[in-house]
Amino acid sequence: MNSAAIADMCGRFIDAILRGTDDELSQIKIDPFPHRFNIKPTEDVLILAKQSLEPMMARWWLIPAWHKGELKDFKLTTFNARIEDAKDKPTFRAVWRYGRCLIPAGGYYEWIGERGHKQPHFIQSAGNEGTLWFAGLASRWQDQLTCTIMTRAANGTVSAVHSRMPVILNAEERDAWMGGADDLSIGEGVQLLHHPVAPFGIAAEGPELIEPIEESRAQ
């Protein structure tokens, strides 16, 4: 994995807790799996694909179907895709049309500050619905399903932390995204909260990763 890529947006997130309690998702049957608090690119993540929102596991780092070499030969950084230009890029052009998916998350992380002194922040929903629904694209390469998270310019609720944010969809926007909408403003109205958390390593895991720390410790 390219370690420099982890500084990009969105590079770490946590699993959503899905129990089929949301009205529009009550028909989805998802087997329980361990709740992860430090999901990294190249790891498997839950996606909901097709119009039926079928749950699947996909490698978080999209490999286009046309890639002919080995996995290690694919050098592009594709765990994120910019909504502004994805539909015209050769890597994403086909899946923009035929590979729409949703990627549920309980929140995500961003880092601010200088290299060597970066302060992580945990970002989560400011509303009643705890799940963040990332817009995604999925590609089947050989026998492996892979995916990417769409990003857009950050809105005012998170712009102090990062200039970009995931494309996070409400119920109406989820239907539009899965239906193939090309609306580049989708997801801009999401309301988010963020707080500083203690620095953690690449192998760290557990609910303590999202616990807020005092602002004075984040200086």
C-alpha atoms as a PDB file:
ATOM      1  CA  MET A   1       0.000   0.000   0.000  1.00  0.00           C
ATOM      2  CA  ASN A   2       1.230   3.527  -0.724  1.00  0.00           C
ATOM      3  CA  SER A   3       1.610   5.030   2.739  1.00  0.00           C
ATOM      4  CA  ALA A   4       1.413   8.550   1.363  1.00  0.00           C
ATOM      5  CA  ALA A   5      -2.066   7.812   0.076  1.00  0.00           C
ATOM      6  CA  ILE A   6      -3.414   7.428   3.604  1.00  0.00           C
ATOM      7  CA  ALA A   7      -3.138  11.193   4.064  1.00  0.00           C
ATOM      8  CA  ASP A   8      -5.685  11.658   1.289  1.00  0.00           C
ATOM      9  CA  MET A   9      -9.414  11.839   1.857  1.00  0.00           C
ATOM     10  CA  CYS A  10     -11.200   9.600   2.881  1.00  0.00           C
ATOM     11  CA  GLY A  11      -8.526   7.201   4.183  1.00  0.00           C
ATOM     12  CA  ARG A  12      -9.918   5.645   7.376  1.00  0.00           C
ATOM     13  CA  PHE A  13     -13.441   4.937   8.608  1.00  0.00           C
ATOM     14  CA  ILE A  14     -15.371   2.764  11.037  1.00  0.00           C
ATOM     15  CA  ASP A  15     -18.024   0.157  10.453  1.00  0.00           C
ATOM     16  CA  ALA A  16     -21.669   1.114  10.699  1.00  0.00           C
ATOM     17  CA  ILE A  17     -23.852  -0.813  13.106  1.00  0.00           C
ATOM     18  CA  LEU A  18     -26.587  -2.116  10.817  1.00  0.00           C
ATOM     19  CA  ARG A  19     -29.434  -4.011  12.387  1.00  0.00           C
ATOM     20  CA  GLY A  20     -32.117  -3.482   9.750  1.00  0.00           C
ATOM     21  CA  THR A  21     -33.877  -0.948  11.964  1.00  0.00           C
ATOM     22  CA  ASP A  22     -34.092   1.862   9.423  1.00  0.00           C
ATOM     23  CA  ASP A  23     -37.453   1.760   7.683  1.00  0.00           C
ATOM     24  CA  GLU A  24     -36.044   1.865   4.170  1.00  0.00           C
ATOM     25  CA  LEU A  25     -33.448  -0.816   4.993  1.00  0.00           C
ATOM     26  CA  SER A  26     -35.553  -3.240   7.005  1.00  0.00           C
ATOM     27  CA  GLN A  27     -35.560  -5.734   4.151  1.00  0.00           C
ATOM     28  CA  ILE A  28     -31.755  -6.042   4.057  1.00  0.00           C
ATOM     29  CA  LYS A  29     -30.370  -9.085   5.842  1.00  0.00           C
ATOM     30  CA  ILE A  30     -26.759  -8.642   6.926  1.00  0.00           C
ATOM     31  CA  ASP A  31     -24.898 -11.249   8.927  1.00  0.00           C
ATOM     32  CA  PRO A  32     -23.204  -9.796  12.015  1.00  0.00           C
ATOM     33  CA  PHE A  33     -19.477  -9.144  11.757  1.00  0.00           C
ATOM     34  CA  PRO A  34     -16.942  -7.603  14.157  1.00  0.00           C
ATOM     35  CA  HIS A  35     -17.270  -3.843  14.532  1.00  0.00           C
ATOM     36  CA  ARG A  36     -14.017  -2.282  13.257  1.00  0.00           C
ATOM     37  CA  PHE A  37     -12.814   1.192  14.257  1.00  0.00           C
ATOM     38  CA  ASN A  38      -9.825   1.559  11.937  1.00  0.00           C
ATOM     39  CA  ILE A  39     -10.684   0.352   8.433  1.00  0.00           C
ATOM     40  CA  LYS A  40      -7.855   0.958   5.972  1.00  0.00           C
ATOM     41  CA  PRO A  41      -7.576   0.905   2.179  1.00  0.00           C
ATOM     42  CA  THR A  42      -7.131  -2.606   0.714  1.00  0.00           C
ATOM     43  CA  GLU A  43      -9.259  -4.138   3.497  1.00  0.00           C
ATOM     44  CA  ASP A  44     -12.646  -5.698   2.754  1.00  0.00           C
ATOM     45  CA  VAL A  45     -15.670  -3.500   3.457  1.00  0.00           C
ATOM     46  CA  LEU A  46     -19.414  -3.973   3.295  1.00  0.00           C
ATOM     47  CA  ILE A  47     -21.144  -2.467   0.269  1.00  0.00           C
ATOM     48  CA  LEU A  48     -24.756  -2.506  -0.886  1.00  0.00           C
ATOM     49  CA  ALA A  49     -24.973  -2.960  -4.636  1.00  0.00           C
ATOM     50  CA  LYS A  50     -27.539  -3.341  -7.418  1.00  0.00           C
ATOM     51  CA  GLN A  51     -31.035  -1.880  -7.265  1.00  0.00           C
ATOM     52  CA  SER A  52     -31.950  -4.520  -4.687  1.00  0.00           C
ATOM     53  CA  LEU A  53     -29.198  -3.201  -2.357  1.00  0.00           C
ATOM     54  CA  GLU A  54     -27.608  -6.609  -2.075  1.00  0.00           C
ATOM     55  CA  PRO A  55     -24.950  -6.755   0.679  1.00  0.00           C
ATOM     56  CA  MET A  56     -21.504  -7.789  -0.531  1.00  0.00           C
ATOM     57  CA  MET A  57     -17.912  -7.558   0.658  1.00  0.00           C
ATOM     58  CA  ALA A  58     -15.457  -5.663  -1.543  1.00  0.00           C
ATOM     59  CA  ARG A  59     -11.780  -4.740  -1.381  1.00  0.00           C
ATOM     60  CA  TRP A  60     -11.499  -1.025  -0.651  1.00  0.00           C
ATOM     61  CA  TRP A  61      -9.180   0.040  -3.486  1.00  0.00           C
ATOM     62  CA  LEU A  62     -10.819  -0.147  -6.865  1.00  0.00           C
ATOM     63  CA  ILE A  63      -9.177  -2.167  -9.636  1.00  0.00           C
ATOM     64  CA  PRO A  64     -10.791  -1.541 -13.048  1.00  0.00           C
ATOM     65  CA  ALA A  65     -11.938  -4.623 -14.931  1.00  0.00           C
ATOM     66  CA  TRP A  66      -9.563  -3.833 -17.802  1.00  0.00           C
ATOM     67  CA  HIS A  67      -6.410  -4.137 -15.672  1.00  0.00           C
ATOM     68  CA  LYS A  68      -4.396  -7.014 -17.198  1.00  0.00           C
ATOM     69  CA  GLY A  69      -1.466  -7.378 -14.799  1.00  0.00           C
ATOM     70  CA  GLU A  70      -1.155  -8.715 -11.281  1.00  0.00           C
ATOM     71  CA  LEU A  71      -2.677  -6.909  -8.319  1.00  0.00           C
ATOM     72  CA  LYS A  72       0.762  -5.596  -7.325  1.00  0.00           C
ATOM     73  CA  ASP A  73       1.153  -4.076 -10.787  1.00  0.00           C
ATOM     74  CA  PHE A  74      -1.747  -1.660 -10.337  1.00  0.00           C
ATOM     75  CA  LYS A  75      -0.171   1.580  -9.118  1.00  0.00           C
ATOM     76  CA  LEU A  76      -3.015   4.106  -9.196  1.00  0.00           C
ATOM     77  CA  THR A  77      -4.437   5.394  -5.895  1.00  0.00           C
ATOM     78  CA  THR A  78      -8.110   4.507  -6.262  1.00  0.00           C
ATOM     79  CA  PHE A  79      -9.615   4.114  -2.790  1.00  0.00           C
ATOM     80  CA  ASN A  80     -11.208   7.536  -3.438  1.00  0.00           C
ATOM     81  CA  ALA A  81     -12.722   8.989  -6.620  1.00  0.00           C
ATOM     82  CA  ARG A  82     -13.583  12.661  -7.125  1.00  0.00           C
ATOM     83  CA  ILE A  83     -17.235  13.081  -8.050  1.00  0.00           C
ATOM     84  CA  GLU A  84     -16.309  16.116 -10.157  1.00  0.00           C
ATOM     85  CA  ASP A  85     -14.401  14.102 -12.740  1.00  0.00           C
ATOM     86  CA  ALA A  86     -14.914  10.356 -12.120  1.00  0.00           C
ATOM     87  CA  LYS A  87     -17.367   9.865 -14.969  1.00  0.00           C
ATOM     88  CA  ASP A  88     -14.744  10.983 -17.509  1.00  0.00           C
ATOM     89  CA  LYS A  89     -11.700   9.147 -16.129  1.00  0.00           C
ATOM     90  CA  PRO A  90     -10.810   5.838 -17.817  1.00  0.00           C
ATOM     91  CA  THR A  91     -10.395   4.146 -14.415  1.00  0.00           C
ATOM     92  CA  PHE A  92     -13.940   4.971 -13.268  1.00  0.00           C
ATOM     93  CA  ARG A  93     -15.880   5.683 -16.478  1.00  0.00           C
ATOM     94  CA  ALA A  94     -17.498   2.243 -16.817  1.00  0.00           C
ATOM     95  CA  VAL A  95     -18.384   1.788 -13.145  1.00  0.00           C
ATOM     96  CA  TRP A  96     -19.798   5.325 -13.006  1.00  0.00           C
ATOM     97  CA  ARG A  97     -22.438   4.011 -15.391  1.00  0.00           C
ATOM     98  CA  TYR A  98     -22.815   0.415 -14.213  1.00  0.00           C
ATOM     99  CA  GLY A  99     -21.175   0.003 -10.797  1.00  0.00           C
ATOM    100  CA  ARG A 100     -22.984   2.269  -8.350  1.00  0.00           C
ATOM    101  CA  CYS A 101     -22.991   1.158  -4.715  1.00  0.00           C
ATOM    102  CA  LEU A 102     -23.483   2.431  -1.162  1.00  0.00           C
ATOM    103  CA  ILE A 103     -20.872   2.008   1.558  1.00  0.00           C
ATOM    104  CA  PRO A 104     -22.274   2.341   5.093  1.00  0.00           C
ATOM    105  CA  ALA A 105     -20.040   3.820   7.785  1.00  0.00           C
ATOM    106  CA  GLY A 106     -20.358   4.837  11.409  1.00  0.00           C
ATOM    107  CA  GLY A 107     -17.980   7.766  10.870  1.00  0.00           C
ATOM    108  CA  TYR A 108     -14.554   8.548   9.477  1.00  0.00           C
ATOM    109  CA  TYR A 109     -11.270  10.214  10.423  1.00  0.00           C
ATOM    110  CA  GLU A 110      -9.293  13.171   9.152  1.00  0.00           C
ATOM    111  CA  TRP A 111      -5.956  14.590  10.297  1.00  0.00           C
ATOM    112  CA  ILE A 112      -4.921  18.237  10.653  1.00  0.00           C
ATOM    113  CA  GLY A 113      -1.556  19.789  11.396  1.00  0.00           C
ATOM    114  CA  GLU A 114       2.019  19.422  10.234  1.00  0.00           C
ATOM    115  CA  ARG A 115       3.674  16.131   9.322  1.00  0.00           C
ATOM    116  CA  GLY A 116       4.824  14.400  12.488  1.00  0.00           C
ATOM    117  CA  HIS A 117       2.317  16.347  14.598  1.00  0.00           C
ATOM    118  CA  LYS A 118      -0.954  15.522  12.915  1.00  0.00           C
ATOM    119  CA  GLN A 119      -4.075  15.544  15.083  1.00  0.00           C
ATOM    120  CA  PRO A 120      -6.826  13.052  14.183  1.00  0.00           C
ATOM    121  CA  HIS A 121     -10.474  14.088  14.288  1.00  0.00           C
ATOM    122  CA  PHE A 122     -13.427  11.726  14.264  1.00  0.00           C
ATOM    123  CA  ILE A 123     -16.296  12.854  12.039  1.00  0.00           C
ATOM    124  CA  GLN A 124     -19.845  11.573  12.423  1.00  0.00           C
ATOM    125  CA  SER A 125     -23.452  12.383  11.620  1.00  0.00           C
ATOM    126  CA  ALA A 126     -24.972  15.446  13.270  1.00  0.00           C
ATOM    127  CA  GLY A 127     -28.466  14.020  12.804  1.00  0.00           C
ATOM    128  CA  ASN A 128     -30.565  11.236  14.265  1.00  0.00           C
ATOM    129  CA  GLU A 129     -29.389   8.622  11.771  1.00  0.00           C
ATOM    130  CA  GLY A 130     -26.056   7.252  12.951  1.00  0.00           C
ATOM    131  CA  THR A 131     -25.104   5.642   9.647  1.00  0.00           C
ATOM    132  CA  LEU A 132     -23.272   7.661   7.017  1.00  0.00           C
ATOM    133  CA  TRP A 133     -24.070   6.361   3.529  1.00  0.00           C
ATOM    134  CA  PHE A 134     -21.050   6.946   1.312  1.00  0.00           C
ATOM    135  CA  ALA A 135     -21.616   7.007  -2.433  1.00  0.00           C
ATOM    136  CA  GLY A 136     -19.358   4.381  -3.981  1.00  0.00           C
ATOM    137  CA  LEU A 137     -18.404   2.629  -7.189  1.00  0.00           C
ATOM    138  CA  ALA A 138     -17.707  -1.100  -7.425  1.00  0.00           C
ATOM    139  CA  SER A 139     -15.669  -2.979 -10.008  1.00  0.00           C
ATOM    140  CA  ARG A 140     -15.199  -6.727 -10.413  1.00  0.00           C
ATOM    141  CA  TRP A 141     -11.605  -7.428 -11.353  1.00  0.00           C
ATOM    142  CA  GLN A 142     -10.967 -11.076 -12.193  1.00  0.00           C
ATOM    143  CA  ASP A 143     -12.862 -12.828  -9.363  1.00  0.00           C
ATOM    144  CA  GLN A 144     -12.459 -10.015  -6.837  1.00  0.00           C
ATOM    145  CA  LEU A 145     -14.992  -7.286  -6.088  1.00  0.00           C
ATOM    146  CA  THR A 146     -13.331  -3.921  -5.418  1.00  0.00           C
ATOM    147  CA  CYS A 147     -14.691  -0.482  -4.570  1.00  0.00           C
ATOM    148  CA  THR A 148     -13.957   3.201  -4.111  1.00  0.00           C
ATOM    149  CA  ILE A 149     -15.510   5.971  -1.996  1.00  0.00           C
ATOM    150  CA  MET A 150     -16.629   9.117  -3.810  1.00  0.00           C
ATOM    151  CA  THR A 151     -15.436  12.482  -2.476  1.00  0.00           C
ATOM    152  CA  ARG A 152     -16.470  16.081  -2.985  1.00  0.00           C
ATOM    153  CA  ALA A 153     -15.536  19.553  -1.733  1.00  0.00           C
ATOM    154  CA  ALA A 154     -16.152  19.815   2.001  1.00  0.00           C
ATOM    155  CA  ASN A 155     -19.112  21.800   3.238  1.00  0.00           C
ATOM    156  CA  GLY A 156     -19.000  24.201   6.164  1.00  0.00           C
ATOM    157  CA  THR A 157     -19.513  21.541   8.820  1.00  0.00           C
ATOM    158  CA  VAL A 158     -16.109  19.915   8.142  1.00  0.00           C
ATOM    159  CA  SER A 159     -14.098  22.386   6.051  1.00  0.00           C
ATOM    160  CA  ALA A 160     -12.027  23.353   9.119  1.00  0.00           C
ATOM    161  CA  VAL A 161     -10.724  19.786   9.226  1.00  0.00           C
ATOM    162  CA  HIS A 162     -10.260  18.991   5.526  1.00  0.00           C
ATOM    163  CA  SER A 163     -10.996  20.525   2.137  1.00  0.00           C
ATOM    164  CA  ARG A 164     -12.644  17.280   0.949  1.00  0.00           C
ATOM    165  CA  MET A 165     -15.268  14.940   2.394  1.00  0.00           C
ATOM    166  CA  PRO A 166     -16.971  11.729   1.309  1.00  0.00           C
ATOM    167  CA  VAL A 167     -20.127  12.051  -0.743  1.00  0.00           C
ATOM    168  CA  ILE A 168     -22.657  11.246   2.004  1.00  0.00           C
ATOM    169  CA  LEU A 169     -26.232  10.642   0.895  1.00  0.00           C
ATOM    170  CA  ASN A 170     -29.644  11.078   2.487  1.00  0.00           C
ATOM    171  CA  ALA A 171     -32.480   8.676   1.628  1.00  0.00           C
ATOM    172  CA  GLU A 172     -33.616  10.605  -1.461  1.00  0.00           C
ATOM    173  CA  GLU A 173     -30.058  11.003  -2.703  1.00  0.00           C
ATOM    174  CA  ARG A 174     -29.343   7.295  -2.190  1.00  0.00           C
ATOM    175  CA  ASP A 175     -32.170   6.446  -4.569  1.00  0.00           C
ATOM    176  CA  ALA A 176     -30.893   8.998  -7.088  1.00  0.00           C
ATOM    177  CA  TRP A 177     -27.296   7.744  -6.870  1.00  0.00           C
ATOM    178  CA  MET A 178     -28.254   4.118  -7.301  1.00  0.00           C
ATOM    179  CA  GLY A 179     -30.492   5.136 -10.198  1.00  0.00           C
ATOM    180  CA  GLY A 180     -27.511   6.573 -12.082  1.00  0.00           C
ATOM    181  CA  ALA A 181     -27.920  10.304 -11.391  1.00  0.00           C
ATOM    182  CA  ASP A 182     -25.124  12.575 -12.640  1.00  0.00           C
ATOM    183  CA  ASP A 183     -25.934  15.397 -10.176  1.00  0.00           C
ATOM    184  CA  LEU A 184     -22.538  16.632  -8.962  1.00  0.00           C
ATOM    185  CA  SER A 185     -24.112  18.570  -6.066  1.00  0.00           C
ATOM    186  CA  ILE A 186     -25.350  15.357  -4.461  1.00  0.00           C
ATOM    187  CA  GLY A 187     -24.331  15.019  -0.821  1.00  0.00           C
ATOM    188  CA  GLU A 188     -23.376  18.656  -0.313  1.00  0.00           C
ATOM    189  CA  GLY A 189     -26.023  19.275   2.350  1.00  0.00           C
ATOM    190  CA  VAL A 190     -24.973  16.607   4.859  1.00  0.00           C
ATOM    191  CA  GLN A 191     -24.562  17.861   8.423  1.00  0.00           C
ATOM    192  CA  LEU A 192     -21.570  16.484  10.313  1.00  0.00           C
ATOM    193  CA  LEU A 193     -19.887  16.847  13.698  1.00  0.00           C
ATOM    194  CA  HIS A 194     -16.225  16.330  14.508  1.00  0.00           C
ATOM    195  CA  HIS A 195     -14.036  16.153  17.590  1.00  0.00           C
ATOM    196  CA  PRO A 196     -10.344  15.515  18.225  1.00  0.00           C
ATOM    197  CA  VAL A 197      -9.289  12.022  19.289  1.00  0.00           C
ATOM    198  CA  ALA A 198      -6.036  10.629  20.604  1.00  0.00           C
ATOM    199  CA  PRO A 199      -3.381   9.805  17.966  1.00  0.00           C
ATOM    200  CA  PHE A 200      -3.361   6.124  17.021  1.00  0.00           C
ATOM    201  CA  GLY A 201      -1.262   3.750  14.949  1.00  0.00           C
ATOM    202  CA  ILE A 202      -2.040   1.823  11.815  1.00  0.00           C
ATOM    203  CA  ALA A 203      -2.790  -1.388  13.737  1.00  0.00           C
ATOM    204  CA  ALA A 204      -4.847   0.254  16.519  1.00  0.00           C
ATOM    205  CA  GLU A 205      -8.382  -1.003  17.030  1.00  0.00           C
ATOM    206  CA  GLY A 206     -11.295  -0.561  19.411  1.00  0.00           C
ATOM    207  CA  PRO A 207     -13.966   1.936  20.476  1.00  0.00           C
ATOM    208  CA  GLU A 208     -11.451   4.069  22.377  1.00  0.00           C
ATOM    209  CA  LEU A 209     -10.224   5.363  19.011  1.00  0.00           C
ATOM    210  CA  ILE A 210     -13.328   7.552  18.628  1.00  0.00           C
ATOM    211  CA  GLU A 211     -13.451   8.849  22.212  1.00  0.00           C
ATOM    212  CA  PRO A 212     -13.145  12.659  22.321  1.00  0.00           C
ATOM    213  CA  ILE A 213     -10.171  14.271  24.010  1.00  0.00           C
ATOM    214  CA  GLU A 214      -9.974  17.744  25.480  1.00  0.00           C
ATOM    215  CA  GLU A 215      -9.130  20.513  23.036  1.00  0.00           C
ATOM    216  CA  SER A 216      -6.105  21.408  25.180  1.00  0.00           C
ATOM    217  CA  ARG A 217      -4.603  17.971  24.473  1.00  0.00           C
ATOM    218  CA  ALA A 218      -5.141  18.467  20.770  1.00  0.00           C
ATOM    219  CA  GLN A 219      -2.866  21.510  20.562  1.00  0.00           C
END
